[in-house]
């Protein structure tokens, strides 16, 4: 690439144009490799001409020189969604602009724009895909949607709480009085005991719903997470009988303190451990590990040091089609569950600006991974979303 400048002589007439030295190709290679967005460019024959490091890491592709020059179907075989997009580049008249896609291999959400590359004669010589990792934006928006749902649910729960609690209290009291009068009738005693127990359970569910929809007010302090984990082990043992279930504890001795609410964090890990005990039904092994993860400069989601806590078991696991639903309020697979245990877990984690995920283990069972930031907590009263936090080329379309 050359540039031409024109200087005027003393008589006002332009002098002979002088050509500046061309910008070296190295500059453009460095520009692409330094971009914070993923860039993939292919030639007309499908040869990969550009594949920067951000794209490789986002798509779980090894960074190696041999990527350039190979056919895109071979280089990008671990990202079939990207292969499918590029395969339409030279066939479609309307290329996607600011579209979004979830990658199955990594679970990340990307916003992308596909463009054709043309030469001076307007001949198509290739195609370029620009994309940005929107996973963090997606998580923040999901939290905002959850808050809206909880706000509506809270209004409903508050309105019906007294209407439901008062009859339940009356049923329990009257059944207790009747039980005293029929003390010598064994059959009546059994039925009345069932009535009282069911009324107590219904009342407990009402209280649990009210507690769930109430906004979390964190009492933030410096928290030693290893102490919280040990406390949660004792609390889970008092709530659920684990029988012969073994618990393996693998907590790193150099865990840094985090800023959080120790009571809420204790409830979070107690709920997860109780779920694991119930899934194992008195057998098997639960493994709880905790370790520190520094900032990863190559991971767009890694902006602060974190502590990762894994709670794994060798039980039946969580079916893949249920993994996105188990954190929803009132969803349960238990015959007598309220469906709020894991929803409360997620609510506490969101309040601490953390993340939770569930996956299957190769040997069977489930692994719940909790990621909590070490740094201070942001203002949780409002989730900031930058106006241009979308796909390359502009804000996200609704």
Protein backbone atom coordinates (compact mmCIF):
# COMPACT_ATOMS: atom_id res chain seq x y z
CA UNK A 1 0.00 0.00 0.00
CA UNK A 2 1.42 3.37 -1.00
CA UNK A 3 0.44 6.95 -0.28
CA UNK A 4 1.06 10.03 -2.44
CA UNK A 5 1.68 13.55 -1.16
CA UNK A 6 1.78 16.80 -3.14
CA UNK A 7 3.78 19.88 -2.14
CA UNK A 8 3.36 23.30 -3.72
CA UNK A 9 6.35 25.13 -5.10
CA UNK A 10 7.02 28.77 -4.28
CA UNK A 11 5.06 29.90 -7.41
CA UNK A 12 1.94 28.11 -6.12
CA UNK A 13 2.07 25.31 -8.69
CA UNK A 14 2.03 21.74 -7.39
CA UNK A 15 5.34 20.01 -7.38
CA UNK A 16 5.99 16.46 -8.45
CA UNK A 17 4.13 13.98 -6.24
CA UNK A 18 6.29 11.91 -3.94
CA UNK A 19 5.36 8.35 -2.93
CA UNK A 20 5.69 7.34 0.72
CA UNK A 21 7.22 3.95 1.43
CA UNK A 22 4.61 1.18 1.48
CA UNK A 23 3.30 -0.03 4.83
CA UNK A 24 4.82 -3.45 5.43
CA UNK A 25 2.59 -6.52 5.50
CA UNK A 26 3.82 -7.16 9.02
CA UNK A 27 1.82 -4.16 10.23
CA UNK A 28 -1.45 -5.65 8.99
CA UNK A 29 -0.63 -9.08 10.44
CA UNK A 30 0.09 -7.47 13.79
CA UNK A 31 -3.13 -5.48 13.58
CA UNK A 32 -5.25 -8.60 13.08
CA UNK A 33 -3.45 -10.59 15.75
CA UNK A 34 -3.86 -7.74 18.24
CA UNK A 35 -7.62 -7.37 17.74
CA UNK A 36 -9.79 -8.27 20.71
CA UNK A 37 -12.39 -9.84 18.40
CA UNK A 38 -12.08 -13.10 16.57
CA UNK A 39 -11.15 -12.83 12.89
CA UNK A 40 -11.33 -15.61 10.30
CA UNK A 41 -10.72 -15.02 6.59
CA UNK A 42 -10.81 -17.59 3.82
CA UNK A 43 -9.90 -17.39 0.16
CA UNK A 44 -12.31 -18.24 -2.66
CA UNK A 45 -11.07 -21.83 -2.71
CA UNK A 46 -11.65 -22.26 1.05
CA UNK A 47 -8.04 -21.81 2.13
CA UNK A 48 -7.67 -20.19 5.55
CA UNK A 49 -5.84 -16.89 5.07
CA UNK A 50 -6.37 -15.31 8.52
CA UNK A 51 -7.10 -16.93 11.88
CA UNK A 52 -6.11 -14.83 14.85
CA UNK A 53 -5.36 -16.06 18.35
CA UNK A 54 -8.62 -14.80 19.85
CA UNK A 55 -10.59 -16.87 17.34
CA UNK A 56 -8.54 -19.97 18.11
CA UNK A 57 -9.13 -19.72 21.84
CA UNK A 58 -12.82 -18.95 21.51
CA UNK A 59 -13.31 -21.98 19.23
CA UNK A 60 -10.94 -24.31 21.13
CA UNK A 61 -8.60 -24.58 18.13
CA UNK A 62 -4.87 -25.12 18.77
CA UNK A 63 -2.78 -22.08 17.84
CA UNK A 64 -0.31 -23.32 15.23
CA UNK A 65 1.20 -22.02 11.97
CA UNK A 66 -0.26 -24.91 9.98
CA UNK A 67 -3.74 -23.44 10.43
CA UNK A 68 -3.00 -20.94 7.68
CA UNK A 69 -3.11 -22.51 4.26
CA UNK A 70 -5.35 -25.40 5.28
CA UNK A 71 -8.93 -25.79 4.14
CA UNK A 72 -11.39 -24.21 6.58
CA UNK A 73 -13.42 -27.42 6.94
CA UNK A 74 -10.31 -29.16 8.29
CA UNK A 75 -8.98 -26.33 10.44
CA UNK A 76 -12.38 -25.53 11.97
CA UNK A 77 -13.73 -29.06 12.29
CA UNK A 78 -14.13 -28.61 16.08
CA UNK A 79 -16.51 -25.69 15.40
CA UNK A 80 -19.12 -27.07 12.95
CA UNK A 81 -21.34 -24.01 13.43
CA UNK A 82 -18.59 -21.75 12.05
CA UNK A 83 -17.98 -24.14 9.15
CA UNK A 84 -21.67 -24.00 8.29
CA UNK A 85 -21.64 -20.18 8.30
CA UNK A 86 -18.56 -19.94 6.08
CA UNK A 87 -19.94 -22.54 3.65
CA UNK A 88 -22.76 -20.15 2.74
CA UNK A 89 -20.52 -17.12 2.21
CA UNK A 90 -20.24 -17.46 -1.58
CA UNK A 91 -23.77 -18.76 -2.17
CA UNK A 92 -26.06 -16.35 -0.35
CA UNK A 93 -27.04 -12.85 -1.42
CA UNK A 94 -27.79 -11.77 2.15
CA UNK A 95 -24.92 -12.41 4.56
CA UNK A 96 -25.56 -12.32 8.31
CA UNK A 97 -24.82 -9.00 10.01
CA UNK A 98 -24.74 -8.69 13.81
CA UNK A 99 -26.20 -12.18 14.23
CA UNK A 100 -25.77 -14.37 17.29
CA UNK A 101 -24.88 -18.02 17.77
CA UNK A 102 -24.26 -20.40 20.69
CA UNK A 103 -21.31 -22.73 20.21
CA UNK A 104 -22.22 -26.23 21.38
CA UNK A 105 -18.61 -27.26 21.99
CA UNK A 106 -17.88 -24.47 24.48
CA UNK A 107 -21.31 -23.12 25.42
CA UNK A 108 -20.19 -19.60 24.55
CA UNK A 109 -22.41 -17.10 22.78
CA UNK A 110 -20.85 -15.09 19.97
CA UNK A 111 -22.07 -12.18 17.88
CA UNK A 112 -20.75 -12.26 14.34
CA UNK A 113 -20.71 -10.48 11.00
CA UNK A 114 -19.85 -12.20 7.70
CA UNK A 115 -18.52 -10.10 4.80
CA UNK A 116 -17.22 -10.78 1.32
CA UNK A 117 -13.74 -9.67 0.30
CA UNK A 118 -13.53 -8.03 -3.14
CA UNK A 119 -10.62 -6.73 -5.22
CA UNK A 120 -10.44 -3.50 -7.23
CA UNK A 121 -12.46 -5.11 -10.03
CA UNK A 122 -15.20 -6.00 -7.49
CA UNK A 123 -14.47 -9.68 -7.93
CA UNK A 124 -15.09 -11.83 -4.86
CA UNK A 125 -11.78 -13.21 -3.65
CA UNK A 126 -12.74 -14.43 -0.21
CA UNK A 127 -14.85 -14.00 2.91
CA UNK A 128 -14.16 -12.68 6.39
CA UNK A 129 -15.92 -13.53 9.65
CA UNK A 130 -15.64 -11.13 12.59
CA UNK A 131 -17.06 -12.21 15.94
CA UNK A 132 -17.16 -11.15 19.57
CA UNK A 133 -17.69 -13.24 22.69
CA UNK A 134 -21.07 -12.22 24.15
CA UNK A 135 -21.18 -14.86 26.89
CA UNK A 136 -20.73 -12.35 29.70
CA UNK A 137 -23.37 -10.05 28.21
CA UNK A 138 -25.74 -13.01 27.89
CA UNK A 139 -25.20 -13.93 31.54
CA UNK A 140 -25.92 -10.39 32.70
CA UNK A 141 -29.07 -10.19 30.60
CA UNK A 142 -30.26 -13.54 31.95
CA UNK A 143 -29.78 -12.21 35.48
CA UNK A 144 -31.83 -9.15 34.59
CA UNK A 145 -34.61 -11.34 33.16
CA UNK A 146 -34.52 -13.48 36.31
CA UNK A 147 -34.88 -10.37 38.47
CA UNK A 148 -37.91 -9.27 36.48
CA UNK A 149 -39.53 -12.68 36.92
CA UNK A 150 -38.76 -12.70 40.63
CA UNK A 151 -40.19 -9.22 41.06
CA UNK A 152 -43.50 -10.33 39.52
CA UNK A 153 -43.44 -13.53 41.56
CA UNK A 154 -42.72 -11.57 44.72
CA UNK A 155 -45.79 -9.40 44.27
CA UNK A 156 -47.95 -12.47 43.78
CA UNK A 157 -46.40 -14.34 46.71
CA UNK A 158 -46.82 -11.41 49.08
CA UNK A 159 -50.47 -11.07 48.09
CA UNK A 160 -51.38 -14.70 48.71
CA UNK A 161 -49.05 -15.43 51.64
CA UNK A 162 -51.51 -14.43 54.37
CA UNK A 163 -54.42 -15.99 52.50
CA UNK A 164 -52.64 -19.34 52.48
CA UNK A 165 -50.82 -19.23 55.81
CA UNK A 166 -53.87 -18.44 57.91
CA UNK A 167 -55.96 -21.46 56.74
CA UNK A 168 -52.92 -23.71 57.11
CA UNK A 169 -52.41 -22.53 60.67
CA UNK A 170 -56.10 -23.14 61.39
CA UNK A 171 -55.94 -26.65 59.93
CA UNK A 172 -52.89 -27.49 62.03
CA UNK A 173 -54.43 -26.14 65.26
CA UNK A 174 -57.81 -27.82 64.77
CA UNK A 175 -56.17 -31.13 63.85
CA UNK A 176 -54.08 -30.91 67.02
CA UNK A 177 -57.16 -30.31 69.16
CA UNK A 178 -59.00 -33.15 67.52
CA UNK A 179 -56.03 -35.45 68.09
CA UNK A 180 -56.23 -34.79 71.83
CA UNK A 181 -59.96 -35.60 71.91
CA UNK A 182 -59.45 -38.84 69.98
CA UNK A 183 -56.42 -39.99 71.92
CA UNK A 184 -57.74 -43.57 72.22
CA UNK A 185 -58.49 -44.08 68.52
CA UNK A 186 -55.35 -45.31 66.72
CA UNK A 187 -56.73 -44.92 63.18
CA UNK A 188 -57.84 -41.34 63.82
CA UNK A 189 -54.49 -40.51 65.40
CA UNK A 190 -52.66 -41.74 62.29
CA UNK A 191 -54.82 -39.68 59.92
CA UNK A 192 -54.59 -36.57 62.09
CA UNK A 193 -50.81 -36.90 62.27
CA UNK A 194 -50.74 -37.03 58.48
CA UNK A 195 -52.93 -33.91 58.27
CA UNK A 196 -50.69 -32.00 60.67
CA UNK A 197 -47.49 -33.06 58.86
CA UNK A 198 -48.89 -32.09 55.46
CA UNK A 199 -50.03 -28.72 56.79
CA UNK A 200 -46.57 -28.09 58.23
CA UNK A 201 -44.96 -29.02 54.91
CA UNK A 202 -47.30 -26.72 52.99
CA UNK A 203 -46.53 -23.90 55.40
CA UNK A 204 -42.80 -24.52 55.01
CA UNK A 205 -43.13 -24.26 51.22
CA UNK A 206 -44.98 -20.95 51.55
CA UNK A 207 -42.22 -19.61 53.80
CA UNK A 208 -39.59 -20.88 51.36
CA UNK A 209 -41.29 -19.13 48.47
CA UNK A 210 -41.43 -15.87 50.41
CA UNK A 211 -37.78 -16.19 51.32
CA UNK A 212 -36.83 -16.91 47.72
CA UNK A 213 -38.58 -13.90 46.19
CA UNK A 214 -37.24 -11.53 48.84
CA UNK A 215 -34.23 -9.54 47.51
CA UNK A 216 -30.90 -10.67 48.91
CA UNK A 217 -29.24 -8.11 51.18
CA UNK A 218 -25.62 -9.16 51.40
CA UNK A 219 -23.72 -8.54 54.62
CA UNK A 220 -20.35 -8.29 52.91
CA UNK A 221 -17.13 -9.02 54.75
CA UNK A 222 -13.83 -10.78 54.19
CA UNK A 223 -14.68 -14.49 54.03
CA UNK A 224 -12.36 -17.48 54.37
CA UNK A 225 -14.04 -19.86 51.95
CA UNK A 226 -12.39 -22.98 53.41
CA UNK A 227 -14.13 -22.26 56.74
CA UNK A 228 -17.45 -21.72 54.99
CA UNK A 229 -17.06 -25.07 53.19
CA UNK A 230 -16.36 -26.93 56.43
CA UNK A 231 -19.40 -25.33 58.08
CA UNK A 232 -21.55 -26.31 55.08
CA UNK A 233 -20.45 -29.94 55.46
CA UNK A 234 -21.74 -30.03 59.04
CA UNK A 235 -24.98 -28.27 58.09
CA UNK A 236 -25.65 -30.65 55.19
CA UNK A 237 -25.08 -33.64 57.50
CA UNK A 238 -27.69 -32.27 59.89
CA UNK A 239 -30.26 -31.83 57.09
CA UNK A 240 -29.79 -35.02 55.06
CA UNK A 241 -28.66 -38.42 56.24
CA UNK A 242 -25.76 -39.37 53.99
CA UNK A 243 -25.53 -42.97 55.22
CA UNK A 244 -22.45 -44.65 53.75
CA UNK A 245 -21.69 -41.82 51.33
CA UNK A 246 -18.02 -40.84 51.49
CA UNK A 247 -16.93 -37.21 51.29
CA UNK A 248 -13.51 -36.34 49.86
CA UNK A 249 -12.31 -32.82 50.61
CA UNK A 250 -9.64 -31.29 48.37
CA UNK A 251 -9.34 -27.67 49.42
CA UNK A 252 -6.21 -25.76 48.45
CA UNK A 253 -4.42 -24.47 51.58
CA UNK A 254 -3.60 -21.09 50.02
CA UNK A 255 -7.13 -19.95 49.09
CA UNK A 256 -7.35 -16.14 49.28
CA UNK A 257 -10.18 -14.52 51.19
CA UNK A 258 -13.10 -13.24 49.13
CA UNK A 259 -15.64 -10.49 49.76
CA UNK A 260 -19.04 -11.98 50.38
CA UNK A 261 -21.80 -12.87 52.80
CA UNK A 262 -20.69 -15.90 54.85
CA UNK A 263 -24.25 -16.85 55.78
CA UNK A 264 -25.45 -16.86 52.15
CA UNK A 265 -22.34 -18.71 50.96
CA UNK A 266 -22.85 -21.31 53.69
CA UNK A 267 -26.43 -21.85 52.49
CA UNK A 268 -25.22 -22.11 48.89
CA UNK A 269 -22.80 -24.97 49.57
CA UNK A 270 -25.16 -26.64 52.04
CA UNK A 271 -27.84 -26.85 49.33
CA UNK A 272 -25.41 -28.31 46.79
CA UNK A 273 -24.08 -30.90 49.24
CA UNK A 274 -27.59 -31.86 50.35
CA UNK A 275 -28.58 -32.40 46.70
CA UNK A 276 -25.53 -34.62 46.19
CA UNK A 277 -26.36 -36.71 49.28
CA UNK A 278 -29.95 -37.17 48.12
CA UNK A 279 -28.83 -38.18 44.63
CA UNK A 280 -26.51 -40.86 46.03
CA UNK A 281 -29.12 -42.25 48.43
CA UNK A 282 -26.66 -43.31 51.12
CA UNK A 283 -23.92 -44.71 48.84
CA UNK A 284 -21.15 -43.52 46.53
CA UNK A 285 -18.70 -40.64 46.90
CA UNK A 286 -18.96 -36.86 46.94
CA UNK A 287 -15.80 -34.92 46.08
CA UNK A 288 -15.51 -31.25 47.01
CA UNK A 289 -12.50 -29.38 45.64
CA UNK A 290 -11.63 -25.69 45.84
CA UNK A 291 -8.72 -23.90 44.19
CA UNK A 292 -7.59 -20.41 43.19
CA UNK A 293 -7.50 -19.35 39.53
CA UNK A 294 -5.54 -16.18 38.60
CA UNK A 295 -6.61 -13.90 35.77
CA UNK A 296 -6.30 -15.56 32.36
CA UNK A 297 -5.33 -12.88 29.85
CA UNK A 298 -6.49 -15.11 26.98
CA UNK A 299 -9.99 -15.76 28.37
CA UNK A 300 -12.51 -12.96 27.66
CA UNK A 301 -14.55 -14.06 30.69
CA UNK A 302 -11.55 -13.91 33.02
CA UNK A 303 -11.27 -10.35 34.26
CA UNK A 304 -10.53 -10.97 37.93
CA UNK A 305 -8.97 -13.74 40.03
CA UNK A 306 -11.50 -16.36 41.07
CA UNK A 307 -11.99 -19.30 43.37
CA UNK A 308 -13.46 -22.40 41.73
CA UNK A 309 -15.39 -24.88 43.87
CA UNK A 310 -16.37 -28.21 42.31
CA UNK A 311 -18.89 -30.51 43.99
CA UNK A 312 -18.89 -33.85 42.16
CA UNK A 313 -20.63 -37.15 42.81
CA UNK A 314 -20.74 -40.58 41.17
CA UNK A 315 -24.53 -40.83 41.22
CA UNK A 316 -27.01 -40.97 38.33
CA UNK A 317 -26.07 -37.48 37.08
CA UNK A 318 -28.27 -34.84 35.48
CA UNK A 319 -29.77 -35.57 32.04
CA UNK A 320 -28.53 -33.18 29.37
CA UNK A 321 -32.02 -31.96 28.52
CA UNK A 322 -32.57 -30.87 32.15
CA UNK A 323 -29.31 -29.04 32.79
CA UNK A 324 -30.66 -25.69 31.63
CA UNK A 325 -33.85 -26.08 33.66
CA UNK A 326 -32.71 -27.28 37.07
CA UNK A 327 -31.87 -23.74 38.22
CA UNK A 328 -35.34 -22.43 37.32
CA UNK A 329 -37.70 -21.68 40.23
CA UNK A 330 -40.17 -24.47 41.09
CA UNK A 331 -38.60 -27.00 38.71
CA UNK A 332 -37.92 -30.28 40.49
CA UNK A 333 -37.59 -33.97 39.75
CA UNK A 334 -38.20 -34.95 43.38
CA UNK A 335 -41.64 -36.25 44.36
CA UNK A 336 -41.89 -33.87 47.36
CA UNK A 337 -39.46 -31.11 46.40
CA UNK A 338 -40.32 -27.42 46.21
CA UNK A 339 -38.02 -26.77 43.25
CA UNK A 340 -36.31 -23.86 45.00
CA UNK A 341 -33.07 -25.39 46.28
CA UNK A 342 -30.97 -24.84 43.15
CA UNK A 343 -32.84 -21.65 42.27
CA UNK A 344 -31.72 -20.22 45.62
CA UNK A 345 -28.18 -21.41 44.88
CA UNK A 346 -28.16 -19.52 41.61
CA UNK A 347 -29.65 -16.41 43.20
CA UNK A 348 -26.91 -16.33 45.84
CA UNK A 349 -24.20 -16.84 43.23
CA UNK A 350 -25.61 -14.06 41.04
CA UNK A 351 -25.63 -11.72 44.05
CA UNK A 352 -21.91 -12.48 44.49
CA UNK A 353 -21.24 -11.84 40.78
CA UNK A 354 -20.29 -15.48 40.31
CA UNK A 355 -21.18 -18.27 37.90
CA UNK A 356 -22.47 -21.82 38.23
CA UNK A 357 -22.57 -24.65 35.72
CA UNK A 358 -23.40 -28.34 35.76
CA UNK A 359 -21.78 -31.03 33.63
CA UNK A 360 -21.52 -34.79 33.38
CA UNK A 361 -18.38 -36.62 34.46
CA UNK A 362 -16.74 -39.14 32.10
CA UNK A 363 -17.07 -41.83 34.79
CA UNK A 364 -20.70 -40.97 35.50
CA UNK A 365 -22.31 -38.60 37.95
CA UNK A 366 -22.60 -34.84 37.99
CA UNK A 367 -20.27 -31.94 38.69
CA UNK A 368 -21.54 -28.57 39.89
CA UNK A 369 -18.91 -25.86 39.40
CA UNK A 370 -19.15 -22.58 41.32
CA UNK A 371 -16.88 -19.69 40.29
CA UNK A 372 -16.64 -16.76 42.70
CA UNK A 373 -14.59 -13.59 42.18
CA UNK A 374 -11.88 -12.73 44.68
CA UNK A 375 -12.19 -8.97 44.09
CA UNK A 376 -14.83 -6.71 45.59
CA UNK A 377 -18.47 -7.01 44.59
CA UNK A 378 -20.11 -4.50 42.22
CA UNK A 379 -23.31 -2.64 42.94
CA UNK A 380 -25.95 -5.35 42.46
CA UNK A 381 -28.84 -2.92 42.40
CA UNK A 382 -28.29 -2.32 38.71
CA UNK A 383 -26.56 -4.36 36.05
CA UNK A 384 -24.68 -2.11 33.64
CA UNK A 385 -24.93 -3.01 29.98
CA UNK A 386 -22.82 -0.93 27.66
CA UNK A 387 -24.80 0.35 24.66
CA UNK A 388 -22.41 -1.23 22.16
CA UNK A 389 -22.10 -4.57 23.93
CA UNK A 390 -23.09 -6.56 20.91
CA UNK A 391 -21.80 -8.16 17.77
CA UNK A 392 -19.15 -6.45 15.67
CA UNK A 393 -20.66 -3.65 13.66
CA UNK A 394 -23.07 -2.21 16.20
CA UNK A 395 -25.44 -2.91 19.08
CA UNK A 396 -27.44 -6.09 19.38
CA UNK A 397 -30.76 -6.22 17.60
CA UNK A 398 -33.88 -7.06 19.57
